[in-house]
Amino acid sequence: MKDVTHKAPTYREAVAEARITMPSEVQTMLRERRLEKGDALEIARVAGVMAAKNTPQIIPYCHPLPITGVKMTYIFEAEGVRIRARVKTIAPTGVEMEALTAASVAALTLYDMLKPHTKVLEIGDIRLLMKTGGKSGNYYRPGVTPEMLEAGN
């Protein structure tokens, strides 16, 4: 584990996303909250928040951080849903892994809740979109702008 003892706490933020594809009739059921197991969008939202807060328990070299905010959002597309996680903290190290874990676990939760309705599900495109703070400064994935993230694109 990297020693961050002498690093000063600063504001850190990261946004990550994952994508799950599904047949259109299953996406309709998801949007209308008519799934056999319940409201998958809200359950996946809670799973994402829990995942961000518990990242150090499942990723060995992640530091425990005081998470000050987690926001999960969904962007519906023609063939599926993008799950976006925004995580914030004031700490000596960043929250990229927490955002990636939140998006991934939310996607896995949707998969679990959708599988009684179809076996044609696929999770992919797990990626960091942006991070702020720290010695390396701000990062935006090529093609991603702050305006896009605020607009939900």
N, C-alpha and C. Protein backbone atom coordinates (compact mmCIF):
# COMPACT_ATOMS: atom_id res chain seq x y z
N MET A 1 0.86 -1.18 0.00
CA MET A 1 0.00 0.00 0.00
C MET A 1 0.90 1.24 0.00
N LYS A 2 0.59 2.19 -0.85
CA LYS A 2 1.40 3.41 -0.93
C LYS A 2 1.24 4.23 0.35
N ASP A 3 2.35 4.74 0.85
CA ASP A 3 2.33 5.57 2.06
C ASP A 3 1.93 6.99 1.69
N VAL A 4 0.76 7.43 2.19
CA VAL A 4 0.28 8.80 1.92
C VAL A 4 0.26 9.63 3.20
N THR A 5 1.00 9.19 4.20
CA THR A 5 1.00 9.84 5.50
C THR A 5 1.32 11.33 5.41
N HIS A 6 2.26 11.70 4.57
CA HIS A 6 2.72 13.08 4.52
C HIS A 6 2.04 13.92 3.44
N LYS A 7 1.05 13.35 2.78
CA LYS A 7 0.32 14.12 1.77
C LYS A 7 -0.81 14.88 2.45
N ALA A 8 -1.00 16.12 2.04
CA ALA A 8 -2.07 16.93 2.62
C ALA A 8 -3.42 16.54 2.00
N PRO A 9 -4.46 16.51 2.81
CA PRO A 9 -5.80 16.24 2.26
C PRO A 9 -6.24 17.40 1.34
N THR A 10 -6.75 17.06 0.18
CA THR A 10 -7.31 18.04 -0.75
C THR A 10 -8.62 17.51 -1.29
N TYR A 11 -9.38 18.40 -1.90
CA TYR A 11 -10.65 18.00 -2.52
C TYR A 11 -10.35 17.10 -3.71
N ARG A 12 -11.03 15.96 -3.76
CA ARG A 12 -10.87 14.99 -4.85
C ARG A 12 -12.25 14.59 -5.34
N GLU A 13 -12.33 14.36 -6.63
CA GLU A 13 -13.59 13.92 -7.23
C GLU A 13 -13.25 13.03 -8.42
N ALA A 14 -14.07 12.03 -8.65
CA ALA A 14 -13.89 11.16 -9.81
C ALA A 14 -15.26 10.75 -10.34
N VAL A 15 -15.32 10.58 -11.66
CA VAL A 15 -16.53 10.10 -12.32
C VAL A 15 -16.13 8.91 -13.18
N ALA A 16 -16.86 7.81 -13.01
CA ALA A 16 -16.63 6.60 -13.79
C ALA A 16 -17.96 6.09 -14.28
N GLU A 17 -17.91 5.23 -15.29
CA GLU A 17 -19.15 4.64 -15.78
C GLU A 17 -18.94 3.22 -16.23
N ALA A 18 -20.05 2.50 -16.30
CA ALA A 18 -20.10 1.15 -16.85
C ALA A 18 -21.35 1.12 -17.74
N ARG A 19 -21.40 0.17 -18.64
CA ARG A 19 -22.54 0.06 -19.54
C ARG A 19 -23.07 -1.36 -19.49
N ILE A 20 -24.39 -1.48 -19.48
CA ILE A 20 -25.02 -2.80 -19.57
C ILE A 20 -25.98 -2.77 -20.75
N THR A 21 -25.85 -3.77 -21.62
CA THR A 21 -26.74 -3.87 -22.76
C THR A 21 -27.81 -4.91 -22.48
N MET A 22 -28.96 -4.72 -23.14
CA MET A 22 -30.11 -5.59 -22.91
C MET A 22 -31.09 -5.44 -24.07
N PRO A 23 -31.98 -6.41 -24.26
CA PRO A 23 -33.02 -6.25 -25.28
C PRO A 23 -33.95 -5.09 -24.93
N SER A 24 -34.53 -4.47 -25.96
CA SER A 24 -35.36 -3.28 -25.75
C SER A 24 -36.57 -3.56 -24.86
N GLU A 25 -37.16 -4.75 -24.95
CA GLU A 25 -38.33 -5.04 -24.11
C GLU A 25 -37.95 -5.11 -22.63
N VAL A 26 -36.73 -5.55 -22.34
CA VAL A 26 -36.25 -5.59 -20.96
C VAL A 26 -35.94 -4.17 -20.48
N GLN A 27 -35.37 -3.36 -21.36
CA GLN A 27 -35.12 -1.96 -20.98
C GLN A 27 -36.43 -1.25 -20.67
N THR A 28 -37.47 -1.54 -21.42
CA THR A 28 -38.78 -0.94 -21.14
C THR A 28 -39.26 -1.35 -19.75
N MET A 29 -39.12 -2.63 -19.43
CA MET A 29 -39.52 -3.11 -18.10
C MET A 29 -38.71 -2.43 -17.01
N LEU A 30 -37.41 -2.24 -17.26
CA LEU A 30 -36.53 -1.56 -16.31
C LEU A 30 -36.98 -0.12 -16.10
N ARG A 31 -37.21 0.59 -17.18
CA ARG A 31 -37.65 2.00 -17.10
C ARG A 31 -38.98 2.14 -16.36
N GLU A 32 -39.88 1.19 -16.63
CA GLU A 32 -41.22 1.23 -16.03
C GLU A 32 -41.25 0.58 -14.64
N ARG A 33 -40.10 0.09 -14.22
CA ARG A 33 -39.95 -0.50 -12.89
C ARG A 33 -40.93 -1.67 -12.67
N ARG A 34 -40.97 -2.56 -13.70
CA ARG A 34 -41.86 -3.72 -13.67
C ARG A 34 -41.09 -5.04 -13.64
N LEU A 35 -39.99 -5.08 -12.92
CA LEU A 35 -39.19 -6.29 -12.89
C LEU A 35 -39.63 -7.21 -11.75
N GLU A 36 -39.43 -8.49 -11.98
CA GLU A 36 -39.81 -9.51 -11.00
C GLU A 36 -39.19 -9.27 -9.63
N LYS A 37 -37.93 -8.82 -9.60
CA LYS A 37 -37.22 -8.64 -8.33
C LYS A 37 -37.41 -7.26 -7.71
N GLY A 38 -38.16 -6.37 -8.34
CA GLY A 38 -38.39 -5.05 -7.77
C GLY A 38 -37.78 -3.93 -8.58
N ASP A 39 -37.61 -2.78 -7.96
CA ASP A 39 -37.11 -1.58 -8.60
C ASP A 39 -35.59 -1.66 -8.74
N ALA A 40 -35.14 -2.18 -9.86
CA ALA A 40 -33.72 -2.43 -10.07
C ALA A 40 -32.89 -1.15 -10.07
N LEU A 41 -33.44 -0.06 -10.57
CA LEU A 41 -32.68 1.18 -10.63
C LEU A 41 -32.35 1.70 -9.24
N GLU A 42 -33.30 1.65 -8.34
CA GLU A 42 -33.04 2.13 -6.98
C GLU A 42 -32.15 1.17 -6.20
N ILE A 43 -32.34 -0.12 -6.41
CA ILE A 43 -31.50 -1.09 -5.71
C ILE A 43 -30.06 -0.98 -6.21
N ALA A 44 -29.86 -0.81 -7.51
CA ALA A 44 -28.51 -0.64 -8.06
C ALA A 44 -27.88 0.66 -7.58
N ARG A 45 -28.69 1.71 -7.42
CA ARG A 45 -28.18 2.98 -6.90
C ARG A 45 -27.61 2.78 -5.49
N VAL A 46 -28.35 2.09 -4.63
CA VAL A 46 -27.88 1.83 -3.27
C VAL A 46 -26.64 0.92 -3.30
N ALA A 47 -26.64 -0.07 -4.17
CA ALA A 47 -25.48 -0.96 -4.29
C ALA A 47 -24.24 -0.18 -4.70
N GLY A 48 -24.40 0.78 -5.61
CA GLY A 48 -23.27 1.61 -6.04
C GLY A 48 -22.72 2.45 -4.91
N VAL A 49 -23.60 3.06 -4.14
CA VAL A 49 -23.16 3.87 -3.00
C VAL A 49 -22.43 2.99 -1.99
N MET A 50 -23.01 1.84 -1.68
CA MET A 50 -22.35 0.92 -0.73
C MET A 50 -20.99 0.47 -1.24
N ALA A 51 -20.90 0.22 -2.54
CA ALA A 51 -19.64 -0.23 -3.13
C ALA A 51 -18.57 0.85 -3.00
N ALA A 52 -18.93 2.10 -3.27
CA ALA A 52 -17.95 3.20 -3.14
C ALA A 52 -17.44 3.27 -1.71
N LYS A 53 -18.33 3.16 -0.76
CA LYS A 53 -17.95 3.28 0.65
C LYS A 53 -17.13 2.08 1.14
N ASN A 54 -17.27 0.95 0.47
CA ASN A 54 -16.60 -0.27 0.92
C ASN A 54 -15.47 -0.73 0.00
N THR A 55 -15.03 0.11 -0.90
CA THR A 55 -13.97 -0.27 -1.84
C THR A 55 -12.73 -0.83 -1.16
N PRO A 56 -12.24 -0.24 -0.05
CA PRO A 56 -11.03 -0.81 0.57
C PRO A 56 -11.21 -2.24 1.09
N GLN A 57 -12.44 -2.68 1.30
CA GLN A 57 -12.66 -4.05 1.76
C GLN A 57 -12.51 -5.06 0.62
N ILE A 58 -12.63 -4.59 -0.63
CA ILE A 58 -12.56 -5.55 -1.74
C ILE A 58 -11.39 -5.34 -2.69
N ILE A 59 -10.75 -4.18 -2.63
CA ILE A 59 -9.56 -3.92 -3.44
C ILE A 59 -8.40 -3.70 -2.46
N PRO A 60 -7.49 -4.66 -2.39
CA PRO A 60 -6.52 -4.70 -1.30
C PRO A 60 -5.70 -3.44 -1.04
N TYR A 61 -5.23 -2.75 -2.05
CA TYR A 61 -4.34 -1.61 -1.80
C TYR A 61 -5.05 -0.26 -1.81
N CYS A 62 -6.35 -0.24 -1.75
CA CYS A 62 -7.08 1.03 -1.67
C CYS A 62 -7.10 1.51 -0.22
N HIS A 63 -6.85 2.80 -0.07
CA HIS A 63 -6.89 3.40 1.27
C HIS A 63 -8.34 3.64 1.68
N PRO A 64 -8.66 3.46 2.96
CA PRO A 64 -9.98 3.86 3.43
C PRO A 64 -10.06 5.39 3.41
N LEU A 65 -11.10 5.92 2.80
CA LEU A 65 -11.24 7.37 2.63
C LEU A 65 -12.56 7.85 3.22
N PRO A 66 -12.58 9.08 3.68
CA PRO A 66 -13.86 9.66 4.14
C PRO A 66 -14.67 10.12 2.93
N ILE A 67 -15.50 9.26 2.42
CA ILE A 67 -16.33 9.59 1.26
C ILE A 67 -17.34 10.66 1.69
N THR A 68 -17.35 11.77 0.99
CA THR A 68 -18.26 12.87 1.35
C THR A 68 -19.46 12.97 0.41
N GLY A 69 -19.43 12.25 -0.69
CA GLY A 69 -20.56 12.26 -1.60
C GLY A 69 -20.45 11.18 -2.65
N VAL A 70 -21.59 10.56 -2.95
CA VAL A 70 -21.68 9.60 -4.06
C VAL A 70 -23.00 9.87 -4.76
N LYS A 71 -22.93 10.03 -6.08
CA LYS A 71 -24.14 10.23 -6.87
C LYS A 71 -24.13 9.22 -8.01
N MET A 72 -25.19 8.45 -8.10
CA MET A 72 -25.35 7.47 -9.16
C MET A 72 -26.41 7.98 -10.14
N THR A 73 -26.10 7.93 -11.43
CA THR A 73 -27.08 8.34 -12.44
C THR A 73 -27.13 7.31 -13.56
N TYR A 74 -28.24 7.34 -14.29
CA TYR A 74 -28.45 6.41 -15.40
C TYR A 74 -28.69 7.20 -16.67
N ILE A 75 -28.07 6.74 -17.74
CA ILE A 75 -28.27 7.34 -19.06
C ILE A 75 -28.75 6.22 -19.96
N PHE A 76 -30.02 6.29 -20.36
CA PHE A 76 -30.60 5.27 -21.21
C PHE A 76 -30.19 5.50 -22.66
N GLU A 77 -29.78 4.43 -23.32
CA GLU A 77 -29.38 4.47 -24.72
C GLU A 77 -30.18 3.42 -25.48
N ALA A 78 -30.04 3.40 -26.78
CA ALA A 78 -30.83 2.48 -27.61
C ALA A 78 -30.69 1.02 -27.19
N GLU A 79 -29.49 0.59 -26.87
CA GLU A 79 -29.28 -0.83 -26.56
C GLU A 79 -28.98 -1.12 -25.11
N GLY A 80 -29.09 -0.13 -24.25
CA GLY A 80 -28.79 -0.40 -22.85
C GLY A 80 -28.78 0.85 -22.00
N VAL A 81 -28.01 0.76 -20.92
CA VAL A 81 -27.96 1.84 -19.93
C VAL A 81 -26.50 2.06 -19.54
N ARG A 82 -26.10 3.34 -19.50
CA ARG A 82 -24.81 3.70 -18.91
C ARG A 82 -25.07 4.06 -17.46
N ILE A 83 -24.27 3.50 -16.57
CA ILE A 83 -24.37 3.77 -15.15
C ILE A 83 -23.19 4.66 -14.79
N ARG A 84 -23.48 5.84 -14.27
CA ARG A 84 -22.41 6.79 -13.96
C ARG A 84 -22.33 7.00 -12.46
N ALA A 85 -21.11 6.96 -11.93
CA ALA A 85 -20.86 7.18 -10.50
C ALA A 85 -19.94 8.38 -10.33
N ARG A 86 -20.36 9.33 -9.50
CA ARG A 86 -19.55 10.50 -9.13
C ARG A 86 -19.26 10.39 -7.64
N VAL A 87 -17.98 10.36 -7.28
CA VAL A 87 -17.57 10.19 -5.87
C VAL A 87 -16.69 11.37 -5.48
N LYS A 88 -16.92 11.87 -4.25
CA LYS A 88 -16.17 13.03 -3.74
C LYS A 88 -15.58 12.72 -2.36
N THR A 89 -14.46 13.39 -2.08
CA THR A 89 -13.82 13.28 -0.77
C THR A 89 -12.89 14.48 -0.56
N ILE A 90 -12.46 14.64 0.65
CA ILE A 90 -11.32 15.50 0.99
C ILE A 90 -10.34 14.56 1.68
N ALA A 91 -9.26 14.23 0.97
CA ALA A 91 -8.35 13.19 1.46
C ALA A 91 -6.98 13.35 0.79
N PRO A 92 -5.99 12.59 1.27
CA PRO A 92 -4.65 12.67 0.68
C PRO A 92 -4.48 11.84 -0.59
N THR A 93 -5.51 11.11 -0.99
CA THR A 93 -5.43 10.30 -2.21
C THR A 93 -6.80 10.30 -2.88
N GLY A 94 -6.82 9.93 -4.16
CA GLY A 94 -8.02 10.08 -4.98
C GLY A 94 -9.07 9.01 -4.82
N VAL A 95 -10.20 9.24 -5.48
CA VAL A 95 -11.36 8.35 -5.38
C VAL A 95 -11.70 7.67 -6.71
N GLU A 96 -10.71 7.52 -7.58
CA GLU A 96 -10.97 6.86 -8.86
C GLU A 96 -11.46 5.42 -8.67
N MET A 97 -10.81 4.69 -7.78
CA MET A 97 -11.20 3.29 -7.58
C MET A 97 -12.59 3.18 -6.98
N GLU A 98 -12.95 4.12 -6.12
CA GLU A 98 -14.29 4.11 -5.53
C GLU A 98 -15.35 4.36 -6.61
N ALA A 99 -15.07 5.28 -7.53
CA ALA A 99 -16.03 5.56 -8.61
C ALA A 99 -16.14 4.36 -9.56
N LEU A 100 -15.01 3.77 -9.91
CA LEU A 100 -15.03 2.59 -10.78
C LEU A 100 -15.75 1.42 -10.12
N THR A 101 -15.52 1.23 -8.83
CA THR A 101 -16.18 0.14 -8.10
C THR A 101 -17.68 0.38 -8.02
N ALA A 102 -18.08 1.61 -7.75
CA ALA A 102 -19.50 1.94 -7.66
C ALA A 102 -20.22 1.66 -8.98
N ALA A 103 -19.64 2.11 -10.09
CA ALA A 103 -20.27 1.89 -11.40
C ALA A 103 -20.33 0.39 -11.72
N SER A 104 -19.26 -0.33 -11.41
CA SER A 104 -19.21 -1.77 -11.70
C SER A 104 -20.23 -2.55 -10.89
N VAL A 105 -20.30 -2.28 -9.60
CA VAL A 105 -21.23 -3.01 -8.73
C VAL A 105 -22.69 -2.66 -9.08
N ALA A 106 -22.95 -1.42 -9.43
CA ALA A 106 -24.30 -1.07 -9.86
C ALA A 106 -24.66 -1.84 -11.14
N ALA A 107 -23.72 -1.97 -12.07
CA ALA A 107 -23.97 -2.75 -13.29
C ALA A 107 -24.21 -4.22 -12.97
N LEU A 108 -23.41 -4.78 -12.07
CA LEU A 108 -23.61 -6.17 -11.65
C LEU A 108 -24.97 -6.37 -10.98
N THR A 109 -25.40 -5.38 -10.21
CA THR A 109 -26.70 -5.46 -9.54
C THR A 109 -27.82 -5.45 -10.58
N LEU A 110 -27.71 -4.58 -11.58
CA LEU A 110 -28.71 -4.59 -12.65
C LEU A 110 -28.72 -5.93 -13.37
N TYR A 111 -27.55 -6.47 -13.63
CA TYR A 111 -27.46 -7.77 -14.29
C TYR A 111 -28.24 -8.82 -13.48
N ASP A 112 -27.98 -8.86 -12.17
CA ASP A 112 -28.65 -9.83 -11.30
C ASP A 112 -30.17 -9.65 -11.34
N MET A 113 -30.62 -8.42 -11.37
CA MET A 113 -32.06 -8.17 -11.31
C MET A 113 -32.74 -8.34 -12.67
N LEU A 114 -31.97 -8.26 -13.74
CA LEU A 114 -32.54 -8.41 -15.09
C LEU A 114 -32.50 -9.85 -15.59
N LYS A 115 -31.63 -10.68 -15.03
CA LYS A 115 -31.43 -12.03 -15.56
C LYS A 115 -32.67 -12.92 -15.56
N PRO A 116 -33.66 -12.73 -14.66
CA PRO A 116 -34.86 -13.56 -14.80
C PRO A 116 -35.65 -13.26 -16.08
N HIS A 117 -35.37 -12.11 -16.71
CA HIS A 117 -36.13 -11.68 -17.88
C HIS A 117 -35.41 -11.92 -19.20
N THR A 118 -34.08 -12.11 -19.15
CA THR A 118 -33.30 -12.37 -20.36
C THR A 118 -31.92 -12.87 -19.99
N LYS A 119 -31.34 -13.64 -20.87
CA LYS A 119 -29.95 -14.05 -20.70
C LYS A 119 -29.05 -13.22 -21.61
N VAL A 120 -29.64 -12.33 -22.39
CA VAL A 120 -28.89 -11.51 -23.34
C VAL A 120 -28.53 -10.19 -22.66
N LEU A 121 -27.58 -10.27 -21.75
CA LEU A 121 -27.09 -9.11 -21.01
C LEU A 121 -25.57 -9.07 -21.15
N GLU A 122 -25.02 -7.87 -21.21
CA GLU A 122 -23.57 -7.75 -21.28
C GLU A 122 -23.13 -6.48 -20.56
N ILE A 123 -22.13 -6.63 -19.70
CA ILE A 123 -21.54 -5.48 -19.01
C ILE A 123 -20.21 -5.17 -19.69
N GLY A 124 -19.95 -3.88 -19.90
CA GLY A 124 -18.69 -3.48 -20.52
C GLY A 124 -18.45 -2.00 -20.38
N ASP A 125 -17.45 -1.53 -21.10
CA ASP A 125 -17.11 -0.10 -21.13
C ASP A 125 -16.96 0.50 -19.74
N ILE A 126 -16.33 -0.23 -18.84
CA ILE A 126 -16.07 0.32 -17.50
C ILE A 126 -14.84 1.21 -17.63
N ARG A 127 -15.03 2.49 -17.29
CA ARG A 127 -13.94 3.43 -17.53
C ARG A 127 -14.03 4.67 -16.66
N LEU A 128 -12.87 5.26 -16.41
CA LEU A 128 -12.80 6.53 -15.70
C LEU A 128 -13.04 7.65 -16.70
N LEU A 129 -13.96 8.56 -16.37
CA LEU A 129 -14.25 9.69 -17.24
C LEU A 129 -13.49 10.94 -16.83
N MET A 130 -13.34 11.14 -15.52
CA MET A 130 -12.59 12.30 -15.03
C MET A 130 -12.17 12.10 -13.60
N LYS A 131 -11.13 12.86 -13.22
CA LYS A 131 -10.72 12.92 -11.83
C LYS A 131 -10.11 14.29 -11.60
N THR A 132 -10.30 14.80 -10.39
CA THR A 132 -9.72 16.09 -10.04
C THR A 132 -8.90 15.94 -8.77
N GLY A 133 -7.95 16.85 -8.60
CA GLY A 133 -7.15 16.90 -7.39
C GLY A 133 -5.90 16.07 -7.47
N GLY A 134 -5.04 16.30 -6.51
CA GLY A 134 -3.82 15.52 -6.41
C GLY A 134 -2.67 16.11 -7.20
N LYS A 135 -1.52 15.48 -7.02
CA LYS A 135 -0.29 15.94 -7.65
C LYS A 135 -0.36 15.91 -9.18
N SER A 136 -1.06 14.90 -9.71
CA SER A 136 -1.13 14.78 -11.17
C SER A 136 -2.17 15.72 -11.79
N GLY A 137 -2.94 16.41 -10.96
CA GLY A 137 -3.91 17.38 -11.48
C GLY A 137 -5.18 16.75 -12.01
N ASN A 138 -5.87 17.51 -12.82
CA ASN A 138 -7.15 17.06 -13.36
C ASN A 138 -6.94 16.20 -14.60
N TYR A 139 -7.84 15.23 -14.78
CA TYR A 139 -7.83 14.36 -15.94
C TYR A 139 -9.23 14.26 -16.49
N TYR A 140 -9.36 14.40 -17.79
CA TYR A 140 -10.62 14.12 -18.49
C TYR A 140 -10.30 13.14 -19.61
N ARG A 141 -11.05 12.05 -19.66
CA ARG A 141 -10.87 11.08 -20.73
C ARG A 141 -10.98 11.81 -22.07
N PRO A 142 -10.16 11.45 -23.05
CA PRO A 142 -10.26 12.12 -24.35
C PRO A 142 -11.70 12.09 -24.87
N GLY A 143 -12.17 13.25 -25.30
CA GLY A 143 -13.53 13.38 -25.79
C GLY A 143 -14.56 13.74 -24.74
N VAL A 144 -14.14 13.75 -23.47
CA VAL A 144 -15.05 14.09 -22.36
C VAL A 144 -14.73 15.51 -21.89
N THR A 145 -15.75 16.31 -21.71
CA THR A 145 -15.59 17.68 -21.21
C THR A 145 -16.39 17.84 -19.93
N PRO A 146 -16.04 18.84 -19.11
CA PRO A 146 -16.83 19.08 -17.90
C PRO A 146 -18.31 19.33 -18.23
N GLU A 147 -18.57 20.01 -19.32
CA GLU A 147 -19.95 20.32 -19.72
C GLU A 147 -20.73 19.04 -20.04
N MET A 148 -20.06 18.09 -20.68
CA MET A 148 -20.72 16.82 -20.99
C MET A 148 -21.13 16.10 -19.72
N LEU A 149 -20.25 16.11 -18.72
CA LEU A 149 -20.54 15.41 -17.47
C LEU A 149 -21.68 16.09 -16.72
N GLU A 150 -21.73 17.41 -16.77
CA GLU A 150 -22.82 18.13 -16.09
C GLU A 150 -24.15 17.93 -16.82
N ALA A 151 -24.09 17.77 -18.14
CA ALA A 151 -25.31 17.59 -18.92
C ALA A 151 -25.81 16.15 -18.88
N GLY A 152 -25.00 15.24 -18.33
CA GLY A 152 -25.42 13.85 -18.24
C GLY A 152 -25.12 13.04 -19.48
N ASN A 153 -24.25 13.53 -20.36
CA ASN A 153 -23.89 12.79 -21.57
C ASN A 153 -22.72 11.88 -21.32
